[in-house]
Amino acid sequence: MAVPSIIYNKTEEINSVSINIHLVPPKHPAVVHQLIFLLLLQVLLVLEVIMLRRSGAQTRRCWLEIQQSRYLSSAPAPPELRRLHYPASSRSRQGQAGQESGQLSPAQINRILKANEHSHTLPRGPASHGVLGFHSNTLPSNHPSEDRRSSATCLLGRGGVLFGVFDGHAGPSCAQAISQRLFYYFTVAMLPLRTLQELDRAVEEDRAVPPLLEWHKHPQDHSSLDGGAISFHSLRNYWQERLDEDDEEDNEVTSFSLSSPLRVALSGSTACVVHVSNGVLHVANLGDSRAVLGVQEGDGRWSALSLTNDHSAQNPEELQRILGEHPASERKTVVRHDRLLGLLLPFRAFGDVRFKWSPEMLSRLYDTRPDVLSAVSESVRTLPPHYLTPPYLSAQPEVTRHLMKPADKFLVLATDGLWELMHRQTVVQLVGDHVAGQETSGPLCFNDGSFILDRVQSVLEDQNVATHLLRHALGDDGYGSVDQNRLARMLSLPADLARRYRDDITITVIHLNDL
């Protein structure tokens, strides 16, 4: 008897499998059964090899293709894709999205990932309010990036520490203004009235006003002095309202004389801000950025506790709120394709006056300020479709209060660019392992059919845990480790293509005290 033989034609693309069978007429029926068994066994083995090779060739592309499909199908393509800027990118990346890695060395990857990382340690004691320090980083996709971040210590009143991430859209102007000004309003809102009276007298008498905040900024974080006098005047109006004074505010037409405030109003931004004071967290959120608490259970395991809700169509309560604020006749037009009026993903945001002002006021703006409109995208220059009963967009934040417990080890603030790529539990696990000085290795072995992951002590490549999250978000191999080729490809995407695969990503990880 001759054993059946299978010849596997190994080429770059699997095209065929030929089977050559040479049989001697069997003398016993049992031999036939053996031949059939051997033949089927070898066919199965070859098919398994084929599937493995095909999946290996395709899965490297699968993740990127799925992500691209998600962005392309969620909404019509934007009329204009913004350019990218990578700090370590000195040469053109105009090539295919699937280029082989090797164009970026590990040193180049690190320069890109670490260009905007920032960390700060607070002094131990009551002045820290329960915060040990923080790690932060931001990675642009848009050029310029539409994300912003802020962190500061409150110097007056009961004090505390403020952190925030801001995700802009239709340009960075609104996110920029909010990141620089919002913390002052938080601080003034918490000051005793006697302190506000002293501040107001100092302004009236032209004396120096004590600083309200100590900022903790990265040297390359965007800063702008435009509109400084206007923003201070607005802030003073706010604290005078708290003092029950009746000074009239400037009407809205006054701001039309300057382009900077209008560009802020025409663009928009979500915001997620946390105030930590004496072991109490207050989180104010509007939009789809998130705050997630990392909690270490008694057995050492990590769990993720969300302190925010997304204000989008994916939140049933938020969707019902929007629908309930407008006539039943608009039920099919208020939210279309999971977007407000078919255009905007978040249902709450600063700015975006084209979703808030009356049609008459917007028409007046469009007719009288072409100089401002020429500097914004085309989609902002016209009334949204089915714009019948504004306002459609709210800037009312959802506020959560949380009393810190000993098991609460850190808080992750991040724009939606991170949460689109990683589940909150994965984020908390990575930060928890980083805090413990551990990394999750790849699959090590199979033991009695069980899949085993081993956590090993290692020298972490990233001292900044926000950078650690960026590296895993872009290069995750599905097993908890980083695929360097995938990471290089994601960072090498051409400027006109990268925005379709990911958003700007901004992360701040706040390390909390053991109480």
Protein backbone atom coordinates (compact mmCIF):
# COMPACT_ATOMS: atom_id res chain seq x y z
CA MET A 1 0.00 0.00 0.00
CA ALA A 2 1.25 3.52 -0.80
CA VAL A 3 0.39 6.32 1.63
CA PRO A 4 -1.64 9.13 0.02
CA SER A 5 0.54 12.18 -0.59
CA ILE A 6 -0.56 15.81 -0.65
CA ILE A 7 1.57 18.40 -2.40
CA TYR A 8 1.11 21.98 -1.06
CA ASN A 9 2.06 24.62 -3.61
CA LYS A 10 3.52 27.40 -1.39
CA THR A 11 3.34 30.77 -3.13
CA GLU A 12 2.99 34.38 -1.94
CA GLU A 13 -0.76 34.09 -2.39
CA ILE A 14 -2.29 30.67 -1.80
CA ASN A 15 -3.76 29.65 -5.11
CA SER A 16 -4.05 25.89 -5.16
CA VAL A 17 -3.48 22.62 -3.40
CA SER A 18 -2.87 19.54 -5.49
CA ILE A 19 -3.45 16.06 -4.14
CA ASN A 20 -1.65 13.11 -5.63
CA ILE A 21 -2.92 9.74 -4.49
CA HIS A 22 -1.13 6.52 -5.38
CA LEU A 23 -2.93 3.45 -4.20
CA VAL A 24 -2.27 -0.24 -4.55
CA PRO A 25 -5.44 -2.28 -4.71
CA PRO A 26 -6.07 -3.24 -1.10
CA LYS A 27 -6.24 -6.81 0.01
CA HIS A 28 -8.34 -6.08 3.07
CA PRO A 29 -11.27 -3.68 3.57
CA ALA A 30 -9.60 -2.20 6.69
CA VAL A 31 -6.85 -0.81 4.51
CA VAL A 32 -9.38 1.31 2.65
CA HIS A 33 -10.52 2.86 5.91
CA GLN A 34 -6.93 3.66 6.88
CA LEU A 35 -6.27 5.30 3.52
CA ILE A 36 -9.38 7.46 3.77
CA PHE A 37 -8.49 8.48 7.34
CA LEU A 38 -4.92 9.46 6.39
CA LEU A 39 -6.13 11.38 3.37
CA LEU A 40 -8.69 13.38 5.35
CA LEU A 41 -6.16 14.10 8.07
CA GLN A 42 -3.64 15.57 5.65
CA VAL A 43 -6.32 17.62 3.87
CA LEU A 44 -7.38 19.14 7.19
CA LEU A 45 -3.78 19.98 8.08
CA VAL A 46 -3.21 21.71 4.76
CA LEU A 47 -6.44 23.68 5.05
CA GLU A 48 -5.39 24.83 8.51
CA VAL A 49 -2.05 26.05 7.13
CA ILE A 50 -3.85 27.91 4.35
CA MET A 51 -6.22 29.63 6.78
CA LEU A 52 -3.42 30.61 9.10
CA ARG A 53 -1.39 32.11 6.28
CA ARG A 54 -4.36 33.96 4.87
CA SER A 55 -5.42 35.33 8.24
CA GLY A 56 -1.85 36.35 8.97
CA ALA A 57 -1.70 38.30 5.72
CA GLN A 58 -5.07 39.92 6.22
CA THR A 59 -5.39 40.62 9.94
CA ARG A 60 -2.57 43.12 9.72
CA ARG A 61 -4.86 45.17 7.50
CA CYS A 62 -8.14 44.26 9.18
CA TRP A 63 -7.97 46.66 12.12
CA LEU A 64 -7.16 49.67 9.99
CA GLU A 65 -9.84 48.77 7.45
CA ILE A 66 -12.46 48.40 10.17
CA GLN A 67 -11.52 51.75 11.66
CA GLN A 68 -11.63 53.42 8.26
CA SER A 69 -15.03 51.89 7.54
CA ARG A 70 -16.33 53.16 10.87
CA TYR A 71 -15.39 56.75 10.15
CA LEU A 72 -16.48 56.68 6.54
CA SER A 73 -19.87 55.18 7.31
CA SER A 74 -20.74 57.25 10.37
CA ALA A 75 -21.15 60.48 8.44
CA PRO A 76 -20.51 62.03 5.04
CA ALA A 77 -16.85 62.77 4.40
CA PRO A 78 -15.87 66.28 5.48
CA PRO A 79 -15.40 68.74 2.62
CA GLU A 80 -11.81 69.36 3.58
CA LEU A 81 -9.36 67.17 5.47
CA ARG A 82 -7.03 69.09 7.72
CA ARG A 83 -3.31 68.52 7.54
CA LEU A 84 -1.35 66.69 10.21
CA HIS A 85 1.80 67.66 12.01
CA TYR A 86 4.01 65.16 13.77
CA PRO A 87 6.89 66.65 15.75
CA ALA A 88 9.41 64.05 14.55
CA SER A 89 8.26 64.03 10.96
CA SER A 90 10.93 65.69 8.84
CA ARG A 91 10.05 64.09 5.52
CA SER A 92 6.91 63.55 3.50
CA ARG A 93 4.62 60.67 4.42
CA GLN A 94 2.62 60.81 1.21
CA GLY A 95 2.42 57.10 0.56
CA GLN A 96 0.10 54.16 0.94
CA ALA A 97 -1.55 53.66 4.34
CA GLY A 98 -0.38 50.07 4.36
CA GLN A 99 3.32 50.82 3.87
CA GLU A 100 5.64 48.42 5.56
CA SER A 101 7.11 49.65 8.82
CA GLY A 102 10.77 50.51 8.84
CA GLN A 103 10.25 54.08 7.72
CA LEU A 104 10.01 54.91 11.42
CA SER A 105 12.70 53.65 13.76
CA PRO A 106 11.98 53.06 17.47
CA ALA A 107 13.74 56.34 18.22
CA GLN A 108 11.50 58.20 15.77
CA ILE A 109 8.39 56.57 17.23
CA ASN A 110 9.43 57.65 20.72
CA ARG A 111 10.07 61.21 19.59
CA ILE A 112 6.58 61.43 18.13
CA LEU A 113 4.87 59.85 21.14
CA LYS A 114 6.82 61.81 23.75
CA ALA A 115 6.91 65.24 22.08
CA ASN A 116 4.02 66.60 24.16
CA GLU A 117 4.20 64.54 27.35
CA HIS A 118 4.08 66.44 30.62
CA SER A 119 4.14 65.50 34.30
CA HIS A 120 3.99 67.33 37.58
CA THR A 121 4.33 66.24 41.20
CA LEU A 122 2.45 68.05 43.94
CA PRO A 123 3.95 68.49 47.41
CA ARG A 124 2.64 66.01 49.94
CA GLY A 125 0.36 67.38 52.61
CA PRO A 126 -2.94 69.27 52.86
CA ALA A 127 -2.03 71.54 49.94
CA SER A 128 -2.18 68.58 47.54
CA HIS A 129 -5.88 67.97 48.39
CA GLY A 130 -5.44 64.25 47.81
CA VAL A 131 -3.47 64.50 44.54
CA LEU A 132 0.03 63.07 44.24
CA GLY A 133 0.63 64.42 40.74
CA PHE A 134 -0.34 63.83 37.14
CA HIS A 135 0.92 62.58 33.79
CA SER A 136 -0.42 64.06 30.57
CA ASN A 137 0.11 63.78 26.82
CA THR A 138 -1.55 64.74 23.56
CA LEU A 139 -1.12 63.35 20.05
CA PRO A 140 -2.51 65.37 17.12
CA SER A 141 -4.36 64.07 14.12
CA ASN A 142 -5.67 67.42 12.90
CA HIS A 143 -3.23 70.18 12.04
CA PRO A 144 -3.34 72.15 14.17
CA SER A 145 -4.67 69.86 16.86
CA GLU A 146 -8.20 70.71 18.01
CA ASP A 147 -7.64 69.16 21.47
CA ARG A 148 -6.48 71.18 24.46
CA ARG A 149 -5.65 70.35 28.12
CA SER A 150 -5.28 72.37 31.30
CA SER A 151 -4.16 71.84 34.89
CA ALA A 152 -3.82 74.36 37.71
CA THR A 153 -3.82 74.81 41.47
CA CYS A 154 -6.40 77.18 42.97
CA LEU A 155 -4.61 79.72 45.16
CA LEU A 156 -7.49 81.51 46.92
CA GLY A 157 -10.45 80.39 48.98
CA ARG A 158 -10.64 76.73 49.89
CA GLY A 159 -8.16 75.87 47.12
CA GLY A 160 -8.01 72.63 45.23
CA VAL A 161 -6.56 71.33 41.97
CA LEU A 162 -8.26 71.62 38.56
CA PHE A 163 -7.74 69.39 35.52
CA GLY A 164 -9.47 69.48 32.16
CA VAL A 165 -9.45 68.07 28.63
CA PHE A 166 -11.18 69.90 25.79
CA ASP A 167 -12.08 68.42 22.39
CA GLY A 168 -12.63 71.09 19.77
CA HIS A 169 -14.40 70.89 16.42
CA ALA A 170 -14.77 73.23 13.44
CA GLY A 171 -11.36 74.58 14.38
CA PRO A 172 -9.37 74.93 17.62
CA SER A 173 -10.48 78.44 18.64
CA CYS A 174 -13.20 77.48 21.11
CA ALA A 175 -11.18 74.73 22.79
CA GLN A 176 -8.27 77.16 23.08
CA ALA A 177 -10.38 79.86 24.73
CA ILE A 178 -12.12 77.44 27.09
CA SER A 179 -8.88 75.81 28.18
CA GLN A 180 -7.48 79.22 29.17
CA ARG A 181 -10.55 80.87 30.70
CA LEU A 182 -12.88 78.26 32.18
CA PHE A 183 -10.77 77.57 35.27
CA TYR A 184 -11.01 81.22 36.31
CA TYR A 185 -14.81 80.94 36.39
CA PHE A 186 -14.59 77.77 38.46
CA THR A 187 -12.31 79.56 40.91
CA VAL A 188 -14.46 82.70 41.16
CA ALA A 189 -17.57 80.58 41.66
CA MET A 190 -15.97 78.96 44.72
CA LEU A 191 -14.56 82.11 46.35
CA PRO A 192 -16.22 83.60 49.45
CA LEU A 193 -18.11 86.83 48.77
CA ARG A 194 -15.73 88.77 51.03
CA THR A 195 -12.80 87.73 48.86
CA LEU A 196 -14.68 88.77 45.72
CA GLN A 197 -15.36 92.18 47.26
CA GLU A 198 -11.64 92.61 47.95
CA LEU A 199 -10.83 91.67 44.36
CA ASP A 200 -13.34 94.14 42.99
CA ARG A 201 -12.00 96.97 45.15
CA ALA A 202 -8.47 96.22 43.96
CA VAL A 203 -9.62 96.54 40.34
CA GLU A 204 -11.52 99.79 41.06
CA GLU A 205 -8.49 101.31 42.82
CA ASP A 206 -6.13 100.09 40.08
CA ARG A 207 -4.18 97.96 42.54
CA ALA A 208 -2.55 94.61 41.77
CA VAL A 209 -4.98 91.71 41.85
CA PRO A 210 -3.62 88.57 43.53
CA PRO A 211 -3.29 85.56 41.18
CA LEU A 212 -6.16 83.13 41.24
CA LEU A 213 -4.38 80.12 39.72
CA GLU A 214 -0.97 78.51 39.48
CA TRP A 215 -0.86 76.89 36.04
CA HIS A 216 0.96 73.62 35.34
CA LYS A 217 1.57 73.79 31.60
CA HIS A 218 3.73 72.02 29.05
CA PRO A 219 6.09 74.53 27.38
CA GLN A 220 4.58 73.74 23.97
CA ASP A 221 0.94 74.02 25.04
CA HIS A 222 -0.86 76.63 22.98
CA SER A 223 -1.25 80.04 24.54
CA SER A 224 -2.83 83.22 23.25
CA LEU A 225 -3.20 86.72 24.60
CA ASP A 226 -5.90 87.71 22.09
CA GLY A 227 -9.02 89.06 23.75
CA GLY A 228 -7.40 89.21 27.20
CA ALA A 229 -9.13 92.46 28.16
CA ILE A 230 -12.50 91.17 26.95
CA SER A 231 -12.18 87.90 28.85
CA PHE A 232 -11.19 89.72 32.06
CA HIS A 233 -14.13 92.11 31.64
CA SER A 234 -16.44 89.11 31.21
CA LEU A 235 -14.96 87.42 34.28
CA ARG A 236 -15.43 90.56 36.32
CA ASN A 237 -19.05 90.82 35.18
CA TYR A 238 -19.52 87.29 36.43
CA TRP A 239 -18.18 87.95 39.90
CA GLN A 240 -20.14 91.19 40.09
CA GLU A 241 -23.28 89.18 39.40
CA ARG A 242 -22.36 87.11 42.42
CA LEU A 243 -22.08 90.34 44.41
CA ASP A 244 -25.61 91.29 43.26
CA GLU A 245 -24.48 94.35 41.37
CA ASP A 246 -26.60 95.50 38.42
CA ASP A 247 -23.96 96.56 35.90
CA GLU A 248 -25.24 96.02 32.37
CA GLU A 249 -23.31 93.60 30.26
CA ASP A 250 -22.34 94.55 26.72
CA ASN A 251 -24.87 93.36 24.19
CA GLU A 252 -23.94 90.68 21.71
CA VAL A 253 -23.32 93.16 18.89
CA THR A 254 -20.23 94.53 20.69
CA SER A 255 -18.35 91.29 20.16
CA PHE A 256 -18.92 91.62 16.42
CA SER A 257 -16.17 94.25 16.29
CA LEU A 258 -13.46 91.66 16.94
CA SER A 259 -12.82 88.54 14.95
CA SER A 260 -11.28 86.47 17.74
CA PRO A 261 -14.43 86.16 19.92
CA LEU A 262 -16.51 85.34 16.86
CA ARG A 263 -14.16 82.59 15.75
CA VAL A 264 -14.44 81.17 19.27
CA ALA A 265 -18.23 81.30 19.06
CA LEU A 266 -18.42 79.72 15.60
CA SER A 267 -16.20 76.79 16.52
CA GLY A 268 -17.06 74.46 19.39
CA SER A 269 -15.61 72.32 22.13
CA THR A 270 -16.61 69.62 24.57
CA ALA A 271 -15.14 69.75 28.07
CA CYS A 272 -14.44 67.39 30.94
CA VAL A 273 -13.15 69.13 34.07
CA VAL A 274 -12.41 67.75 37.53
CA HIS A 275 -11.88 69.72 40.73
CA VAL A 276 -10.16 67.88 43.60
CA SER A 277 -10.37 69.43 47.05
CA ASN A 278 -9.83 67.77 50.41
CA GLY A 279 -10.50 64.29 49.08
CA VAL A 280 -13.67 65.19 47.15
CA LEU A 281 -13.91 64.94 43.36
CA HIS A 282 -16.34 67.10 41.41
CA VAL A 283 -16.49 66.27 37.70
CA ALA A 284 -18.25 68.61 35.27
CA ASN A 285 -18.77 67.18 31.79
CA LEU A 286 -20.45 68.15 28.55
CA GLY A 287 -19.87 66.16 25.40
CA ASP A 288 -18.17 62.83 24.88
CA SER A 289 -14.86 63.12 26.72
CA ARG A 290 -14.75 60.92 29.81
CA ALA A 291 -13.48 60.66 33.38
CA VAL A 292 -12.82 57.10 34.57
CA LEU A 293 -11.67 56.20 38.08
CA GLY A 294 -9.17 53.39 38.60
CA VAL A 295 -10.16 51.39 41.70
CA GLN A 296 -7.96 48.66 43.20
CA GLU A 297 -10.04 45.95 44.82
CA GLY A 298 -9.05 44.06 47.96
CA ASP A 299 -7.66 41.15 45.93
CA GLY A 300 -5.45 43.49 43.88
CA ARG A 301 -7.59 43.49 40.76
CA TRP A 302 -8.44 46.73 38.98
CA SER A 303 -11.93 47.95 38.15
CA ALA A 304 -13.07 50.98 36.16
CA LEU A 305 -15.68 53.38 37.54
CA SER A 306 -17.12 55.91 35.08
CA LEU A 307 -17.78 59.34 36.57
CA THR A 308 -19.26 60.79 33.36
CA ASN A 309 -21.94 59.99 30.81
CA ASP A 310 -21.54 60.59 27.08
CA HIS A 311 -23.84 63.29 25.75
CA SER A 312 -24.54 61.69 22.39
CA ALA A 313 -27.08 59.55 20.58
CA GLN A 314 -25.54 56.47 22.20
CA ASN A 315 -26.95 57.63 25.55
CA PRO A 316 -30.73 56.88 25.54
CA GLU A 317 -31.48 59.41 28.28
CA GLU A 318 -29.63 62.16 26.44
CA LEU A 319 -31.39 61.28 23.20
CA GLN A 320 -34.79 61.53 24.89
CA ARG A 321 -33.82 64.88 26.44
CA ILE A 322 -33.05 66.33 23.01
CA LEU A 323 -36.21 64.97 21.41
CA GLY A 324 -38.34 66.22 24.30
CA GLU A 325 -37.10 69.81 23.89
CA HIS A 326 -38.52 70.17 20.37
CA PRO A 327 -41.92 69.67 18.73
CA ALA A 328 -43.01 66.20 17.71
CA SER A 329 -42.99 67.36 14.09
CA GLU A 330 -39.17 67.58 14.29
CA ARG A 331 -38.68 64.12 15.73
CA LYS A 332 -37.19 62.80 12.48
CA THR A 333 -34.90 65.78 11.88
CA VAL A 334 -33.52 66.81 15.30
CA VAL A 335 -31.25 63.76 15.36
CA ARG A 336 -30.26 62.19 12.04
CA HIS A 337 -27.53 59.58 11.58
CA ASP A 338 -26.85 59.85 15.34
CA ARG A 339 -25.92 63.53 14.90
CA LEU A 340 -27.60 66.74 15.99
CA LEU A 341 -29.45 67.99 12.89
CA GLY A 342 -27.39 65.42 11.01
CA LEU A 343 -24.18 67.39 11.64
CA LEU A 344 -22.82 67.35 15.21
CA LEU A 345 -21.96 64.25 17.25
CA PRO A 346 -21.96 65.69 20.81
CA PHE A 347 -25.30 66.97 22.11
CA ARG A 348 -23.65 69.40 24.55
CA ALA A 349 -20.76 71.76 23.84
CA PHE A 350 -19.38 75.26 24.30
CA GLY A 351 -19.50 77.60 21.31
CA ASP A 352 -21.25 76.30 18.18
CA VAL A 353 -23.58 79.31 18.03
CA ARG A 354 -24.91 78.05 14.70
CA PHE A 355 -26.84 75.49 16.80
CA LYS A 356 -27.92 78.05 19.45
CA TRP A 357 -28.65 81.51 18.03
CA SER A 358 -31.86 82.51 16.29
CA PRO A 359 -31.96 82.32 12.48
CA GLU A 360 -32.24 86.12 12.34
CA MET A 361 -29.09 86.67 14.39
CA LEU A 362 -27.16 84.08 12.41
CA SER A 363 -28.28 85.64 9.11
CA ARG A 364 -27.12 89.03 10.35
CA LEU A 365 -23.74 87.55 11.22
CA TYR A 366 -23.38 85.88 7.83
CA ASP A 367 -24.28 89.13 6.04
CA THR A 368 -22.10 91.54 8.04
CA ARG A 369 -18.92 89.59 8.80
CA PRO A 370 -17.60 87.89 5.67
CA ASP A 371 -14.06 88.51 6.94
CA VAL A 372 -14.69 86.14 9.86
CA LEU A 373 -16.57 83.57 7.82
CA SER A 374 -13.73 83.34 5.31
CA ALA A 375 -11.50 81.96 8.08
CA VAL A 376 -13.80 79.07 9.04
CA SER A 377 -14.88 75.92 7.24
CA GLU A 378 -17.65 76.07 4.65
CA SER A 379 -20.05 74.03 6.81
CA VAL A 380 -20.10 76.82 9.43
CA ARG A 381 -21.09 79.54 6.95
CA THR A 382 -24.70 78.47 6.42
CA LEU A 383 -27.72 77.63 8.54
CA PRO A 384 -28.03 73.93 9.43
CA PRO A 385 -30.83 72.05 7.67
CA HIS A 386 -34.22 71.89 9.44
CA TYR A 387 -33.18 74.77 11.74
CA LEU A 388 -36.65 75.57 13.12
CA THR A 389 -36.71 75.82 16.94
CA PRO A 390 -33.27 76.75 18.33
CA PRO A 391 -31.42 76.34 20.56
CA TYR A 392 -30.63 72.73 19.75
CA LEU A 393 -27.28 72.53 21.56
CA SER A 394 -26.75 72.93 25.33
CA ALA A 395 -23.72 74.03 27.31
CA GLN A 396 -25.22 72.81 30.60
CA PRO A 397 -22.71 70.40 32.20
CA GLU A 398 -23.56 67.22 34.05
CA VAL A 399 -21.86 67.36 37.46
CA THR A 400 -20.85 64.31 39.51
CA ARG A 401 -19.59 64.32 43.11
CA HIS A 402 -17.41 61.48 44.38
CA LEU A 403 -15.90 61.09 47.84
CA MET A 404 -12.44 59.57 47.43
CA LYS A 405 -11.79 56.22 49.09
CA PRO A 406 -8.48 54.46 49.83
CA ALA A 407 -9.09 52.10 46.90
CA ASP A 408 -9.32 55.03 44.42
CA LYS A 409 -5.80 55.17 42.97
CA PHE A 410 -6.05 57.33 39.84
CA LEU A 411 -8.43 59.18 37.55
CA VAL A 412 -8.12 59.13 33.75
CA LEU A 413 -9.41 62.16 31.83
CA ALA A 414 -9.34 61.75 28.06
CA THR A 415 -10.97 63.03 24.90
CA ASP A 416 -12.99 60.63 22.79
CA GLY A 417 -9.98 59.87 20.58
CA LEU A 418 -8.78 57.44 23.28
CA TRP A 419 -12.15 55.88 24.10
CA GLU A 420 -12.80 55.13 20.41
CA LEU A 421 -9.74 52.87 20.48
CA MET A 422 -9.77 51.38 23.99
CA HIS A 423 -12.35 50.15 26.48
CA ARG A 424 -12.28 51.83 29.88
CA GLN A 425 -11.39 48.58 31.65
CA THR A 426 -8.38 48.12 29.37
CA VAL A 427 -7.29 51.68 30.08
CA VAL A 428 -7.54 51.19 33.84
CA GLN A 429 -5.72 47.84 33.68
CA LEU A 430 -2.82 49.35 31.71
CA VAL A 431 -2.50 52.27 34.11
CA GLY A 432 -2.78 49.96 37.12
CA ASP A 433 -0.07 47.67 35.78
CA HIS A 434 2.10 50.68 35.03
CA VAL A 435 1.65 51.99 38.56
CA ALA A 436 2.63 48.57 39.88
CA GLY A 437 5.66 48.47 37.57
CA GLN A 438 4.24 45.62 35.52
CA GLU A 439 3.41 45.03 31.90
CA THR A 440 1.27 42.38 30.35
CA SER A 441 3.33 40.21 28.03
CA GLY A 442 1.97 38.36 25.05
CA PRO A 443 0.61 34.80 25.19
CA LEU A 444 3.28 32.53 26.62
CA CYS A 445 1.90 29.04 26.34
CA PHE A 446 -1.12 26.79 26.29
CA ASN A 447 -1.58 24.62 29.34
CA ASP A 448 -4.20 21.89 29.16
CA GLY A 449 -6.04 23.91 26.56
CA SER A 450 -6.02 27.07 28.70
CA PHE A 451 -4.75 30.38 27.38
CA ILE A 452 -2.18 31.88 29.76
CA LEU A 453 -1.06 35.49 30.08
CA ASP A 454 1.91 36.20 32.26
CA ARG A 455 2.55 39.48 34.03
CA VAL A 456 6.25 40.03 34.36
CA GLN A 457 8.32 42.65 36.09
CA SER A 458 10.07 44.78 33.48
CA VAL A 459 11.59 48.14 32.92
CA LEU A 460 8.77 50.20 31.45
CA GLU A 461 9.56 51.95 28.20
CA ASP A 462 7.38 54.92 29.11
CA GLN A 463 7.81 56.66 32.42
CA ASN A 464 4.78 58.80 31.57
CA VAL A 465 1.66 56.64 31.85
CA ALA A 466 -0.29 58.84 29.39
CA THR A 467 2.36 58.05 26.78
CA HIS A 468 2.05 54.38 27.75
CA LEU A 469 -1.67 54.55 26.94
CA LEU A 470 -1.03 56.23 23.59
CA ARG A 471 1.45 53.53 22.63
CA HIS A 472 -1.01 50.74 23.44
CA ALA A 473 -4.00 52.52 21.87
CA LEU A 474 -2.26 52.78 18.50
CA GLY A 475 -0.20 49.58 18.57
CA ASP A 476 -2.30 47.05 20.47
CA ASP A 477 -1.81 43.51 19.14
CA GLY A 478 -4.97 42.12 20.72
CA TYR A 479 -3.08 40.33 23.51
CA GLY A 480 -2.13 43.30 25.71
CA SER A 481 1.23 43.97 24.05
CA VAL A 482 2.33 46.48 21.42
CA ASP A 483 2.86 45.45 17.81
CA GLN A 484 5.73 47.70 16.71
CA ASN A 485 4.85 47.35 13.04
CA ARG A 486 1.26 48.39 13.64
CA LEU A 487 2.38 51.32 15.81
CA ALA A 488 4.79 52.48 13.11
CA ARG A 489 2.10 52.24 10.45
CA MET A 490 -0.38 54.25 12.51
CA LEU A 491 2.18 57.00 13.08
CA SER A 492 3.22 56.93 9.41
CA LEU A 493 -0.22 57.45 7.90
CA PRO A 494 -0.17 60.23 5.28
CA ALA A 495 -1.46 63.58 6.42
CA ASP A 496 -4.59 63.43 4.28
CA LEU A 497 -5.49 59.96 5.56
CA ALA A 498 -4.69 59.86 9.29
CA ARG A 499 -7.81 61.78 10.37
CA ARG A 500 -9.99 59.02 8.92
CA TYR A 501 -8.40 56.42 11.19
CA ARG A 502 -8.23 58.28 14.49
CA ASP A 503 -8.99 61.55 16.20
CA ASP A 504 -6.74 63.87 18.19
CA ILE A 505 -6.02 62.13 21.51
CA THR A 506 -5.45 63.94 24.81
CA ILE A 507 -4.97 62.12 28.12
CA THR A 508 -4.38 63.26 31.70
CA VAL A 509 -3.87 60.63 34.40
CA ILE A 510 -4.24 62.01 37.94
CA HIS A 511 -2.53 59.97 40.64
CA LEU A 512 -4.46 60.05 43.90
CA ASN A 513 -3.27 59.74 47.49
CA ASP A 514 -3.91 56.77 49.74
CA LEU A 515 -6.39 58.23 52.20
